[in-house]
Every structure is written in C-alpha cells, then in structure tokens.
C-alpha atoms as a PDB file:
ATOM      1  CA  MET A   1     -57.038  48.915  35.821  1.00  0.00           C
ATOM      2  CA  GLY A   2     -60.211  46.934  35.276  1.00  0.00           C
ATOM      3  CA  VAL A   3     -61.641  49.430  32.507  1.00  0.00           C
ATOM      4  CA  ALA A   4     -58.586  49.073  31.008  1.00  0.00           C
ATOM      5  CA  PHE A   5     -58.421  45.215  30.954  1.00  0.00           C
ATOM      6  CA  VAL A   6     -62.152  45.260  29.264  1.00  0.00           C
ATOM      7  CA  LEU A   7     -60.887  47.704  26.915  1.00  0.00           C
ATOM      8  CA  ALA A   8     -58.028  45.597  26.096  1.00  0.00           C
ATOM      9  CA  LEU A   9     -60.080  42.356  25.640  1.00  0.00           C
ATOM     10  CA  ILE A  10     -63.095  44.155  23.634  1.00  0.00           C
ATOM     11  CA  MET A  11     -60.609  45.638  20.932  1.00  0.00           C
ATOM     12  CA  GLY A  12     -58.243  42.000  20.825  1.00  0.00           C
ATOM     13  CA  PRO A  13     -60.337  40.485  18.269  1.00  0.00           C
ATOM     14  CA  LEU A  14     -61.674  43.661  17.092  1.00  0.00           C
ATOM     15  CA  CYS A  15     -57.981  44.828  16.111  1.00  0.00           C
ATOM     16  CA  ILE A  16     -55.899  41.411  15.387  1.00  0.00           C
ATOM     17  CA  PRO A  17     -58.533  40.205  12.349  1.00  0.00           C
ATOM     18  CA  ILE A  18     -57.752  43.515  10.934  1.00  0.00           C
ATOM     19  CA  LEU A  19     -53.833  43.428  10.757  1.00  0.00           C
ATOM     20  CA  ARG A  20     -54.093  39.891   9.390  1.00  0.00           C
ATOM     21  CA  ARG A  21     -56.215  41.219   6.705  1.00  0.00           C
ATOM     22  CA  MET A  22     -53.828  43.930   6.004  1.00  0.00           C
ATOM     23  CA  LYS A  23     -50.912  41.836   5.842  1.00  0.00           C
ATOM     24  CA  PHE A  24     -49.431  43.612   9.247  1.00  0.00           C
ATOM     25  CA  GLY A  25     -47.144  40.219   9.986  1.00  0.00           C
ATOM     26  CA  GLN A  26     -44.025  40.097  12.109  1.00  0.00           C
ATOM     27  CA  GLN A  27     -41.129  39.941  10.146  1.00  0.00           C
ATOM     28  CA  ILE A  28     -38.543  37.333  11.914  1.00  0.00           C
ATOM     29  CA  ARG A  29     -34.564  38.004  12.923  1.00  0.00           C
ATOM     30  CA  GLU A  30     -33.037  35.594  10.460  1.00  0.00           C
ATOM     31  CA  ASP A  31     -29.967  35.184  12.999  1.00  0.00           C
ATOM     32  CA  GLY A  32     -32.283  35.019  16.105  1.00  0.00           C
ATOM     33  CA  PRO A  33     -33.327  31.505  17.431  1.00  0.00           C
ATOM     34  CA  GLN A  34     -34.970  29.091  14.792  1.00  0.00           C
ATOM     35  CA  GLY A  35     -37.675  28.262  17.127  1.00  0.00           C
ATOM     36  CA  HIS A  36     -39.170  31.216  16.400  1.00  0.00           C
ATOM     37  CA  LEU A  37     -39.426  31.562  12.553  1.00  0.00           C
ATOM     38  CA  LYS A  38     -42.644  30.001  12.540  1.00  0.00           C
ATOM     39  CA  LYS A  39     -43.936  32.601  14.109  1.00  0.00           C
ATOM     40  CA  GLN A  40     -43.042  34.681  10.709  1.00  0.00           C
ATOM     41  CA  GLY A  41     -46.388  36.234   9.618  1.00  0.00           C
ATOM     42  CA  THR A  42     -48.058  36.755  13.346  1.00  0.00           C
ATOM     43  CA  PRO A  43     -50.009  40.079  13.343  1.00  0.00           C
ATOM     44  CA  THR A  44     -47.745  42.910  15.143  1.00  0.00           C
ATOM     45  CA  MET A  45     -48.014  46.444  16.059  1.00  0.00           C
ATOM     46  CA  GLY A  46     -50.719  45.522  18.626  1.00  0.00           C
ATOM     47  CA  GLY A  47     -48.938  47.549  20.944  1.00  0.00           C
ATOM     48  CA  VAL A  48     -52.208  50.030  19.487  1.00  0.00           C
ATOM     49  CA  ILE A  49     -54.438  47.918  21.317  1.00  0.00           C
ATOM     50  CA  ILE A  50     -52.582  48.816  24.556  1.00  0.00           C
ATOM     51  CA  LEU A  51     -52.262  52.437  23.712  1.00  0.00           C
ATOM     52  CA  LEU A  52     -56.054  52.975  22.887  1.00  0.00           C
ATOM     53  CA  ALA A  53     -57.104  51.189  26.021  1.00  0.00           C
ATOM     54  CA  LEU A  54     -54.135  53.049  28.568  1.00  0.00           C
ATOM     55  CA  SER A  55     -55.575  56.380  26.779  1.00  0.00           C
ATOM     56  CA  LEU A  56     -59.291  56.045  27.273  1.00  0.00           C
ATOM     57  CA  ALA A  57     -59.237  54.494  30.574  1.00  0.00           C
ATOM     58  CA  THR A  58     -57.017  57.528  31.503  1.00  0.00           C
ATOM     59  CA  LEU A  59     -58.693  59.801  30.437  1.00  0.00           C
ATOM     60  CA  ARG A  60     -61.727  58.840  31.874  1.00  0.00           C
ATOM     61  CA  PHE A  61     -60.641  58.646  35.154  1.00  0.00           C
ATOM     62  CA  ALA A  62     -57.633  61.606  35.634  1.00  0.00           C
ATOM     63  CA  ASP A  63     -58.039  64.792  35.876  1.00  0.00           C
ATOM     64  CA  LYS A  64     -56.534  66.508  32.732  1.00  0.00           C
ATOM     65  CA  ASN A  65     -53.579  68.667  33.589  1.00  0.00           C
ATOM     66  CA  THR A  66     -49.689  68.966  33.040  1.00  0.00           C
ATOM     67  CA  ASP A  67     -48.383  65.402  35.054  1.00  0.00           C
ATOM     68  CA  LEU A  68     -51.643  63.466  32.553  1.00  0.00           C
ATOM     69  CA  LEU A  69     -50.077  65.587  29.598  1.00  0.00           C
ATOM     70  CA  ILE A  70     -46.571  64.712  30.383  1.00  0.00           C
ATOM     71  CA  LEU A  71     -47.610  60.755  30.842  1.00  0.00           C
ATOM     72  CA  LEU A  72     -49.449  60.454  27.408  1.00  0.00           C
ATOM     73  CA  LEU A  73     -47.021  62.581  25.600  1.00  0.00           C
ATOM     74  CA  ALA A  74     -44.254  60.303  26.561  1.00  0.00           C
ATOM     75  CA  SER A  75     -46.487  57.216  26.399  1.00  0.00           C
ATOM     76  CA  LEU A  76     -48.003  58.182  23.150  1.00  0.00           C
ATOM     77  CA  GLY A  77     -45.079  59.865  21.801  1.00  0.00           C
ATOM     78  CA  TYR A  78     -42.450  56.877  22.092  1.00  0.00           C
ATOM     79  CA  GLY A  79     -45.321  54.666  20.665  1.00  0.00           C
ATOM     80  CA  LEU A  80     -45.797  56.781  17.474  1.00  0.00           C
ATOM     81  CA  VAL A  81     -41.975  56.314  16.846  1.00  0.00           C
ATOM     82  CA  GLY A  82     -42.431  52.686  17.479  1.00  0.00           C
ATOM     83  CA  PHE A  83     -45.738  53.175  15.157  1.00  0.00           C
ATOM     84  CA  LEU A  84     -43.435  54.101  12.346  1.00  0.00           C
ATOM     85  CA  ASP A  85     -40.418  51.612  12.832  1.00  0.00           C
ATOM     86  CA  ASP A  86     -43.340  49.004  12.773  1.00  0.00           C
ATOM     87  CA  TYR A  87     -45.052  50.227   9.531  1.00  0.00           C
ATOM     88  CA  ILE A  88     -41.336  50.199   7.844  1.00  0.00           C
ATOM     89  CA  LYS A  89     -41.001  46.747   8.657  1.00  0.00           C
ATOM     90  CA  ILE A  90     -44.220  46.038   7.183  1.00  0.00           C
ATOM     91  CA  ILE A  91     -44.751  47.636   4.299  1.00  0.00           C
ATOM     92  CA  PHE A  92     -40.541  47.057   3.008  1.00  0.00           C
ATOM     93  CA  LYS A  93     -40.999  43.362   4.617  1.00  0.00           C
ATOM     94  CA  ARG A  94     -37.737  43.493   6.664  1.00  0.00           C
ATOM     95  CA  SER A  95     -37.127  42.906  10.446  1.00  0.00           C
ATOM     96  CA  LEU A  96     -35.114  46.713  10.375  1.00  0.00           C
ATOM     97  CA  GLY A  97     -37.309  49.497  10.409  1.00  0.00           C
ATOM     98  CA  LEU A  98     -36.514  53.238  11.103  1.00  0.00           C
ATOM     99  CA  THR A  99     -32.427  53.778  10.698  1.00  0.00           C
ATOM    100  CA  ALA A 100     -30.995  53.981  14.345  1.00  0.00           C
ATOM    101  CA  LYS A 101     -30.355  57.872  13.952  1.00  0.00           C
ATOM    102  CA  GLN A 102     -34.192  58.289  13.145  1.00  0.00           C
ATOM    103  CA  LYS A 103     -34.934  56.473  15.765  1.00  0.00           C
ATOM    104  CA  LEU A 104     -32.857  58.129  18.146  1.00  0.00           C
ATOM    105  CA  PHE A 105     -34.080  61.692  17.000  1.00  0.00           C
ATOM    106  CA  GLY A 106     -37.899  60.855  17.150  1.00  0.00           C
ATOM    107  CA  GLN A 107     -36.704  59.318  20.864  1.00  0.00           C
ATOM    108  CA  LEU A 108     -34.663  62.591  21.597  1.00  0.00           C
ATOM    109  CA  LEU A 109     -37.398  64.946  20.496  1.00  0.00           C
ATOM    110  CA  ILE A 110     -40.437  63.509  22.569  1.00  0.00           C
ATOM    111  CA  SER A 111     -37.917  63.577  25.370  1.00  0.00           C
ATOM    112  CA  ALA A 112     -37.006  67.257  24.918  1.00  0.00           C
ATOM    113  CA  VAL A 113     -40.834  68.355  24.851  1.00  0.00           C
ATOM    114  CA  VAL A 114     -41.912  66.276  28.213  1.00  0.00           C
ATOM    115  CA  CYS A 115     -38.326  67.987  29.801  1.00  0.00           C
ATOM    116  CA  VAL A 116     -39.737  71.500  28.579  1.00  0.00           C
ATOM    117  CA  LEU A 117     -43.295  70.629  30.327  1.00  0.00           C
ATOM    118  CA  LEU A 118     -41.053  69.748  33.279  1.00  0.00           C
ATOM    119  CA  VAL A 119     -39.244  72.811  33.659  1.00  0.00           C
ATOM    120  CA  THR A 120     -42.672  74.941  32.784  1.00  0.00           C
ATOM    121  CA  GLN A 121     -44.324  72.638  35.704  1.00  0.00           C
ATOM    122  CA  GLY A 122     -41.488  73.674  38.131  1.00  0.00           C
ATOM    123  CA  HIS A 123     -40.571  69.900  38.492  1.00  0.00           C
ATOM    124  CA  ASN A 124     -38.255  69.106  41.773  1.00  0.00           C
ATOM    125  CA  THR A 125     -34.814  68.785  40.350  1.00  0.00           C
ATOM    126  CA  GLU A 126     -33.473  66.682  43.308  1.00  0.00           C
ATOM    127  CA  LEU A 127     -32.610  63.317  42.501  1.00  0.00           C
ATOM    128  CA  TYR A 128     -33.229  60.802  45.991  1.00  0.00           C
ATOM    129  CA  VAL A 129     -31.024  57.586  45.871  1.00  0.00           C
ATOM    130  CA  PRO A 130     -32.741  54.789  47.081  1.00  0.00           C
ATOM    131  CA  PHE A 131     -33.207  53.039  50.634  1.00  0.00           C
ATOM    132  CA  VAL A 132     -30.941  55.924  51.994  1.00  0.00           C
ATOM    133  CA  SER A 133     -31.852  59.221  53.339  1.00  0.00           C
ATOM    134  CA  PHE A 134     -29.588  61.153  50.653  1.00  0.00           C
ATOM    135  CA  HIS A 135     -30.789  63.347  48.026  1.00  0.00           C
ATOM    136  CA  PHE A 136     -29.032  66.339  45.868  1.00  0.00           C
ATOM    137  CA  ASP A 137     -30.006  68.950  43.570  1.00  0.00           C
ATOM    138  CA  ALA A 138     -29.012  67.980  40.304  1.00  0.00           C
ATOM    139  CA  GLY A 139     -29.943  71.438  38.770  1.00  0.00           C
ATOM    140  CA  TRP A 140     -30.139  71.914  35.311  1.00  0.00           C
ATOM    141  CA  LEU A 141     -28.367  68.455  34.746  1.00  0.00           C
ATOM    142  CA  TYR A 142     -31.491  67.199  35.812  1.00  0.00           C
ATOM    143  CA  PHE A 143     -32.893  67.591  32.808  1.00  0.00           C
ATOM    144  CA  PRO A 144     -30.590  66.331  30.280  1.00  0.00           C
ATOM    145  CA  LEU A 145     -30.339  63.246  32.662  1.00  0.00           C
ATOM    146  CA  MET A 146     -34.118  62.642  32.372  1.00  0.00           C
ATOM    147  CA  ALA A 147     -33.746  62.789  28.591  1.00  0.00           C
ATOM    148  CA  ILE A 148     -30.925  60.406  28.665  1.00  0.00           C
ATOM    149  CA  LEU A 149     -33.010  57.717  31.066  1.00  0.00           C
ATOM    150  CA  MET A 150     -35.809  57.719  28.740  1.00  0.00           C
ATOM    151  CA  LEU A 151     -33.896  57.078  25.845  1.00  0.00           C
ATOM    152  CA  GLY A 152     -32.024  54.284  27.726  1.00  0.00           C
ATOM    153  CA  ALA A 153     -34.785  53.011  29.782  1.00  0.00           C
ATOM    154  CA  SER A 154     -37.431  52.807  26.642  1.00  0.00           C
ATOM    155  CA  ASN A 155     -34.698  50.933  24.866  1.00  0.00           C
ATOM    156  CA  ALA A 156     -34.286  48.398  27.558  1.00  0.00           C
ATOM    157  CA  VAL A 157     -37.716  47.901  27.606  1.00  0.00           C
ATOM    158  CA  ASN A 158     -38.130  47.376  23.867  1.00  0.00           C
ATOM    159  CA  PHE A 159     -34.747  44.833  24.157  1.00  0.00           C
ATOM    160  CA  THR A 160     -37.530  42.764  26.698  1.00  0.00           C
ATOM    161  CA  ASP A 161     -40.003  42.582  23.896  1.00  0.00           C
ATOM    162  CA  GLY A 162     -38.641  39.109  22.476  1.00  0.00           C
ATOM    163  CA  LEU A 163     -40.677  36.274  23.684  1.00  0.00           C
ATOM    164  CA  ASP A 164     -44.666  35.296  23.886  1.00  0.00           C
ATOM    165  CA  GLY A 165     -45.743  37.158  27.156  1.00  0.00           C
ATOM    166  CA  LEU A 166     -42.695  38.416  28.460  1.00  0.00           C
ATOM    167  CA  LEU A 167     -42.683  42.240  28.188  1.00  0.00           C
ATOM    168  CA  ALA A 168     -46.513  42.190  28.988  1.00  0.00           C
ATOM    169  CA  GLY A 169     -45.908  40.365  32.481  1.00  0.00           C
ATOM    170  CA  THR A 170     -42.961  42.494  33.340  1.00  0.00           C
ATOM    171  CA  SER A 171     -44.055  45.370  32.718  1.00  0.00           C
ATOM    172  CA  ALA A 172     -47.615  44.817  34.438  1.00  0.00           C
ATOM    173  CA  ILE A 173     -45.555  44.473  37.473  1.00  0.00           C
ATOM    174  CA  ALA A 174     -43.357  47.287  37.075  1.00  0.00           C
ATOM    175  CA  PHE A 175     -46.423  49.666  36.361  1.00  0.00           C
ATOM    176  CA  GLY A 176     -48.101  47.672  39.359  1.00  0.00           C
ATOM    177  CA  ALA A 177     -45.365  48.912  42.061  1.00  0.00           C
ATOM    178  CA  TYR A 178     -45.392  52.423  40.700  1.00  0.00           C
ATOM    179  CA  THR A 179     -48.938  52.231  40.967  1.00  0.00           C
ATOM    180  CA  ILE A 180     -48.464  51.979  44.687  1.00  0.00           C
ATOM    181  CA  ILE A 181     -45.863  54.158  44.777  1.00  0.00           C
ATOM    182  CA  ALA A 182     -47.995  57.201  43.420  1.00  0.00           C
ATOM    183  CA  MET A 183     -50.659  56.139  45.416  1.00  0.00           C
ATOM    184  CA  ASN A 184     -48.730  56.334  48.202  1.00  0.00           C
ATOM    185  CA  ASN A 185     -47.421  59.993  47.698  1.00  0.00           C
ATOM    186  CA  THR A 186     -51.163  60.916  46.740  1.00  0.00           C
ATOM    187  CA  GLN A 187     -50.133  61.502  43.072  1.00  0.00           C
ATOM    188  CA  PRO A 188     -54.052  60.127  41.551  1.00  0.00           C
ATOM    189  CA  GLU A 189     -52.519  60.931  37.742  1.00  0.00           C
ATOM    190  CA  ALA A 190     -50.043  58.853  38.156  1.00  0.00           C
ATOM    191  CA  ALA A 191     -51.296  56.208  39.942  1.00  0.00           C
ATOM    192  CA  ILE A 192     -54.217  56.212  37.330  1.00  0.00           C
ATOM    193  CA  PHE A 193     -52.199  56.258  34.546  1.00  0.00           C
ATOM    194  CA  SER A 194     -49.927  53.399  36.234  1.00  0.00           C
ATOM    195  CA  ALA A 195     -53.103  50.931  36.874  1.00  0.00           C
ATOM    196  CA  ALA A 196     -54.335  51.879  33.741  1.00  0.00           C
ATOM    197  CA  MET A 197     -51.611  50.565  31.949  1.00  0.00           C
ATOM    198  CA  VAL A 198     -51.371  47.404  34.233  1.00  0.00           C
ATOM    199  CA  GLY A 199     -55.026  46.871  33.027  1.00  0.00           C
ATOM    200  CA  ALA A 200     -53.957  47.325  29.433  1.00  0.00           C
ATOM    201  CA  VAL A 201     -51.220  44.971  29.287  1.00  0.00           C
ATOM    202  CA  LEU A 202     -52.933  42.318  31.023  1.00  0.00           C
ATOM    203  CA  GLY A 203     -56.209  42.555  28.446  1.00  0.00           C
ATOM    204  CA  PHE A 204     -53.036  42.275  25.647  1.00  0.00           C
ATOM    205  CA  LEU A 205     -51.761  39.255  27.469  1.00  0.00           C
ATOM    206  CA  VAL A 206     -54.430  37.130  26.932  1.00  0.00           C
ATOM    207  CA  PHE A 207     -53.747  37.548  23.195  1.00  0.00           C
ATOM    208  CA  ASN A 208     -50.112  37.431  23.191  1.00  0.00           C
ATOM    209  CA  ALA A 209     -49.395  34.558  25.724  1.00  0.00           C
ATOM    210  CA  HIS A 210     -48.056  31.691  24.199  1.00  0.00           C
ATOM    211  CA  PRO A 211     -48.431  31.040  21.372  1.00  0.00           C
ATOM    212  CA  ALA A 212     -49.222  34.481  20.801  1.00  0.00           C
ATOM    213  CA  LYS A 213     -51.684  35.620  18.644  1.00  0.00           C
ATOM    214  CA  VAL A 214     -50.155  39.072  18.335  1.00  0.00           C
ATOM    215  CA  PHE A 215     -47.327  41.057  19.088  1.00  0.00           C
ATOM    216  CA  MET A 216     -47.235  44.436  20.408  1.00  0.00           C
ATOM    217  CA  GLY A 217     -44.465  45.678  18.238  1.00  0.00           C
ATOM    218  CA  ASP A 218     -42.012  48.633  18.612  1.00  0.00           C
ATOM    219  CA  THR A 219     -45.330  50.623  18.859  1.00  0.00           C
ATOM    220  CA  GLY A 220     -46.080  48.598  22.488  1.00  0.00           C
ATOM    221  CA  SER A 221     -42.878  48.569  23.544  1.00  0.00           C
ATOM    222  CA  LEU A 222     -41.795  52.074  23.234  1.00  0.00           C
ATOM    223  CA  GLY A 223     -44.708  53.160  24.426  1.00  0.00           C
ATOM    224  CA  ILE A 224     -44.737  51.108  27.301  1.00  0.00           C
ATOM    225  CA  GLY A 225     -41.177  52.251  27.844  1.00  0.00           C
ATOM    226  CA  GLY A 226     -41.966  55.852  27.370  1.00  0.00           C
ATOM    227  CA  GLY A 227     -44.862  55.647  30.290  1.00  0.00           C
ATOM    228  CA  LEU A 228     -42.653  53.954  32.436  1.00  0.00           C
ATOM    229  CA  VAL A 229     -39.855  56.153  32.471  1.00  0.00           C
ATOM    230  CA  ALA A 230     -42.343  59.570  32.909  1.00  0.00           C
ATOM    231  CA  VAL A 231     -44.140  57.614  35.713  1.00  0.00           C
ATOM    232  CA  ALA A 232     -41.147  57.207  37.645  1.00  0.00           C
ATOM    233  CA  ILE A 233     -39.769  60.897  37.261  1.00  0.00           C
ATOM    234  CA  LEU A 234     -43.404  62.537  38.013  1.00  0.00           C
ATOM    235  CA  THR A 235     -42.856  60.195  41.562  1.00  0.00           C
ATOM    236  CA  LYS A 236     -39.467  60.871  41.962  1.00  0.00           C
ATOM    237  CA  ALA A 237     -38.995  57.568  42.223  1.00  0.00           C
ATOM    238  CA  GLU A 238     -36.207  58.075  39.370  1.00  0.00           C
ATOM    239  CA  LEU A 239     -33.510  55.821  40.631  1.00  0.00           C
ATOM    240  CA  LEU A 240     -35.421  53.347  41.838  1.00  0.00           C
ATOM    241  CA  LEU A 241     -36.468  52.181  37.794  1.00  0.00           C
ATOM    242  CA  ALA A 242     -32.934  50.536  38.095  1.00  0.00           C
ATOM    243  CA  ILE A 243     -34.749  47.952  40.532  1.00  0.00           C
ATOM    244  CA  ILE A 244     -38.393  48.103  39.920  1.00  0.00           C
ATOM    245  CA  GLY A 245     -37.506  47.821  36.220  1.00  0.00           C
ATOM    246  CA  GLY A 246     -34.351  45.741  37.024  1.00  0.00           C
ATOM    247  CA  VAL A 247     -35.063  43.192  33.885  1.00  0.00           C
ATOM    248  CA  PHE A 248     -35.211  45.513  31.522  1.00  0.00           C
ATOM    249  CA  LEU A 249     -31.931  46.978  32.620  1.00  0.00           C
ATOM    250  CA  ILE A 250     -30.466  43.034  32.756  1.00  0.00           C
ATOM    251  CA  GLU A 251     -31.443  42.888  29.309  1.00  0.00           C
ATOM    252  CA  ILE A 252     -29.773  45.725  27.812  1.00  0.00           C
ATOM    253  CA  LEU A 253     -26.969  45.020  29.959  1.00  0.00           C
ATOM    254  CA  SER A 254     -26.408  41.413  28.413  1.00  0.00           C
ATOM    255  CA  VAL A 255     -26.659  43.595  24.704  1.00  0.00           C
ATOM    256  CA  VAL A 256     -23.680  46.075  25.771  1.00  0.00           C
ATOM    257  CA  ILE A 257     -21.452  42.982  27.033  1.00  0.00           C
ATOM    258  CA  GLN A 258     -21.961  40.667  24.131  1.00  0.00           C
ATOM    259  CA  VAL A 259     -21.437  43.749  21.739  1.00  0.00           C
ATOM    260  CA  VAL A 260     -18.586  45.004  23.838  1.00  0.00           C
ATOM    261  CA  SER A 261     -16.398  41.794  24.183  1.00  0.00           C
ATOM    262  CA  PHE A 262     -17.196  40.838  20.354  1.00  0.00           C
ATOM    263  CA  LYS A 263     -15.856  43.562  19.598  1.00  0.00           C
ATOM    264  CA  THR A 264     -12.811  43.698  21.511  1.00  0.00           C
ATOM    265  CA  ARG A 265     -12.039  39.701  22.101  1.00  0.00           C
ATOM    266  CA  LYS A 266     -14.115  38.541  19.197  1.00  0.00           C
ATOM    267  CA  LYS A 267     -15.433  36.576  21.946  1.00  0.00           C
ATOM    268  CA  ARG A 268     -19.282  35.791  23.183  1.00  0.00           C
ATOM    269  CA  VAL A 269     -20.411  35.938  26.891  1.00  0.00           C
ATOM    270  CA  PHE A 270     -23.961  34.687  25.650  1.00  0.00           C
ATOM    271  CA  LYS A 271     -25.343  32.618  23.085  1.00  0.00           C
ATOM    272  CA  MET A 272     -27.132  35.061  22.080  1.00  0.00           C
ATOM    273  CA  SER A 273     -28.718  38.654  23.429  1.00  0.00           C
ATOM    274  CA  PRO A 274     -30.882  39.540  24.817  1.00  0.00           C
ATOM    275  CA  ILE A 275     -30.031  37.239  27.464  1.00  0.00           C
ATOM    276  CA  HIS A 276     -33.528  35.700  27.422  1.00  0.00           C
ATOM    277  CA  HIS A 277     -32.511  34.230  23.931  1.00  0.00           C
ATOM    278  CA  HIS A 278     -29.184  33.081  25.681  1.00  0.00           C
ATOM    279  CA  PHE A 279     -31.586  30.893  27.758  1.00  0.00           C
ATOM    280  CA  GLU A 280     -33.735  29.158  24.956  1.00  0.00           C
ATOM    281  CA  LEU A 281     -30.760  28.541  23.274  1.00  0.00           C
ATOM    282  CA  VAL A 282     -29.332  26.494  26.370  1.00  0.00           C
ATOM    283  CA  GLY A 283     -32.888  24.356  26.371  1.00  0.00           C
ATOM    284  CA  TRP A 284     -34.978  26.447  28.152  1.00  0.00           C
ATOM    285  CA  SER A 285     -38.337  26.243  26.799  1.00  0.00           C
ATOM    286  CA  GLU A 286     -40.030  29.800  26.204  1.00  0.00           C
ATOM    287  CA  TRP A 287     -42.920  29.228  28.869  1.00  0.00           C
ATOM    288  CA  ARG A 288     -39.706  28.271  31.246  1.00  0.00           C
ATOM    289  CA  VAL A 289     -37.639  31.764  30.076  1.00  0.00           C
ATOM    290  CA  VAL A 290     -41.174  34.074  30.468  1.00  0.00           C
ATOM    291  CA  ILE A 291     -42.101  32.559  34.020  1.00  0.00           C
ATOM    292  CA  THR A 292     -38.884  32.481  35.003  1.00  0.00           C
ATOM    293  CA  PHE A 293     -38.307  36.455  34.134  1.00  0.00           C
ATOM    294  CA  TRP A 294     -41.514  37.277  35.414  1.00  0.00           C
ATOM    295  CA  VAL A 295     -40.615  36.055  39.224  1.00  0.00           C
ATOM    296  CA  VAL A 296     -37.599  38.016  38.729  1.00  0.00           C
ATOM    297  CA  GLY A 297     -39.510  41.203  38.097  1.00  0.00           C
ATOM    298  CA  LEU A 298     -41.708  40.871  40.813  1.00  0.00           C
ATOM    299  CA  VAL A 299     -38.827  40.191  43.677  1.00  0.00           C
ATOM    300  CA  LEU A 300     -37.384  43.298  41.804  1.00  0.00           C
ATOM    301  CA  ALA A 301     -40.448  44.990  42.493  1.00  0.00           C
ATOM    302  CA  ILE A 302     -41.235  44.188  46.082  1.00  0.00           C
ATOM    303  CA  LEU A 303     -37.521  45.069  46.502  1.00  0.00           C
ATOM    304  CA  GLY A 304     -37.964  48.459  45.039  1.00  0.00           C
ATOM    305  CA  LEU A 305     -41.095  49.023  47.399  1.00  0.00           C
ATOM    306  CA  TYR A 306     -39.358  48.131  50.326  1.00  0.00           C
ATOM    307  CA  MET A 307     -36.684  49.942  49.359  1.00  0.00           C
ATOM    308  CA  ASN A 308     -38.803  53.255  48.730  1.00  0.00           C
ATOM    309  CA  GLU A 309     -39.975  52.505  52.474  1.00  0.00           C
ATOM    310  CA  VAL A 310     -44.139  51.867  50.927  1.00  0.00           C
ATOM    311  CA  LEU A 311     -43.187  48.472  52.060  1.00  0.00           C
END
C-alpha cells in the first residue's frame, strides 16, 4: 500500500504537466450541473497514474501466478477500454468517446478472457450468500454470470466518478475491505493487489481532491471497476460486492430508475442522475456530497466485513 501511494505521489507532478501540455483536457457535459463548466480543460486520463502505481507495486511484491494475471488483466484490460474512450473524447473534443457498442464489446472481450483463465484454473463455481450458511453451485452458468457482474459493476464504478475525489475515496474503502477479506482467506496475491490499489487511489486523491488538478477519466474508473470485481471473484465474495460496493450499486440504480421513469412516465425521479448530481442540485456543496458518500461507503464496507464474518 505504502509503495503504491508513494509511486502515485511521485508520478502525479510528472504526469499532470504532460497531460496539460498535450491538451488532454476534460470535456464537460453541457447538460450537467452548471457549476462543473469551470472544470472544462482540467487534465484527464489521470487513471494512468493509478494503474501504473498499482502494477509496479503489485509486480514487485506478489508472486507471478494465475491469480495475479487475472487481477492485472481485469484492471488493465478495462483500463485500456477506458483509455481508448478518453482518447477519442479528447481528440474529437466531445463528451462521448467510444460508442456504447464499442465499449460493450471491449468490456465483454476482457471479461471473456478472464473467465477462460478462471476455467483453466479450476475456479470454484459455488456462490456463497453473505451472512447465512447457504451456498449453491452455479455450474457452467457461473462464468457468464461473472462476465455480466464485471460488466455491470465496472460501469457502476464508472458512474460514480462524477465529483472531485468521490470515486477515489469510495474505491479505497471498498478495496480496503477486500484486502482484509483476502488476508483472512490467506490469498496473498489478492491482498497485495487490493492493498496496492488502496495506496494508488489514495495517492491519486492528493491531486484529485476538490478542486481537482487532474481527473482519472474512464481510464481510471473502468480500471478500478474491473479490478474490484476480479478481487471479489477470487476471494469468493462475489455477492458481497453488492454490500461493500453499495455506493456503486446505488449510483447505477439511480441511473436505471431515472431512465425507466422518464421513458415510461415522462417524469424524472431525481433532478439529475447519477444520484450524486441530484444532491448537488438540491443545494449540497460538492465536498458535502463527497464526504457523505465516503461515510456511507465506509459503513457499508464495515457491514460487508461483518456479514463475511471477518469482523
């Protein structure tokens, strides 16, 4: 954790000026909160700082085995999809990068490769229901279910990246919880990877806290999301992700509810989705929203650890 944190701190002042000189500035949605328009041009694609710090620290301390390959493939693979999305946004100076189909294809391709590695590893296909002594073998259905989980959870994490420091803080909390679970399960690679991610995102948070000097972009958010699901799968705490990553679930549900409500009733449930923007528009300051979501994330992470019988 400490090594990844220091690496991110070192790389921040090196990468941010480069991103600024290359004019890799964030394109802000015109239909978003008006207060965000002043963030136009803030360097983005800062997720490369997170992924580089994560990779260097993990490769230095973890054994090079299939578990590590799965973790890095999920995180870096999804991060690559996000990188392409960010790059297209910047080159064409628009708020949308890859088309939905292109992004979906890339994410499903990475998920499929991860599932193939899980099969070759002889991964346990049982699903354990948190807090109750109940589990069942999903058989061959387990792997398509995990591919869907990777797709859904990574996009949920992506939706959360909308305010300065919001995703960096909530993801650090979630990975901290999975670090404890992996240590409890005696899974050193998953524990080292999770701890390294905590250090990397906290180091990035130094530059991403309000007012942000750099944004992580989809490069960071998708990379974080892919890595989080991979850790959940390897630690056999897949279903627990709905609790530990409850903030991300709330964010994506707010989007789904908003879209369904508008299409069926022509009415919006929230002033804007994802839900963090709703709280901004009702008068909360950006810092108040971020701190509140961090606290909710911490409470849910503690609840998840308790349900996993770690606490």
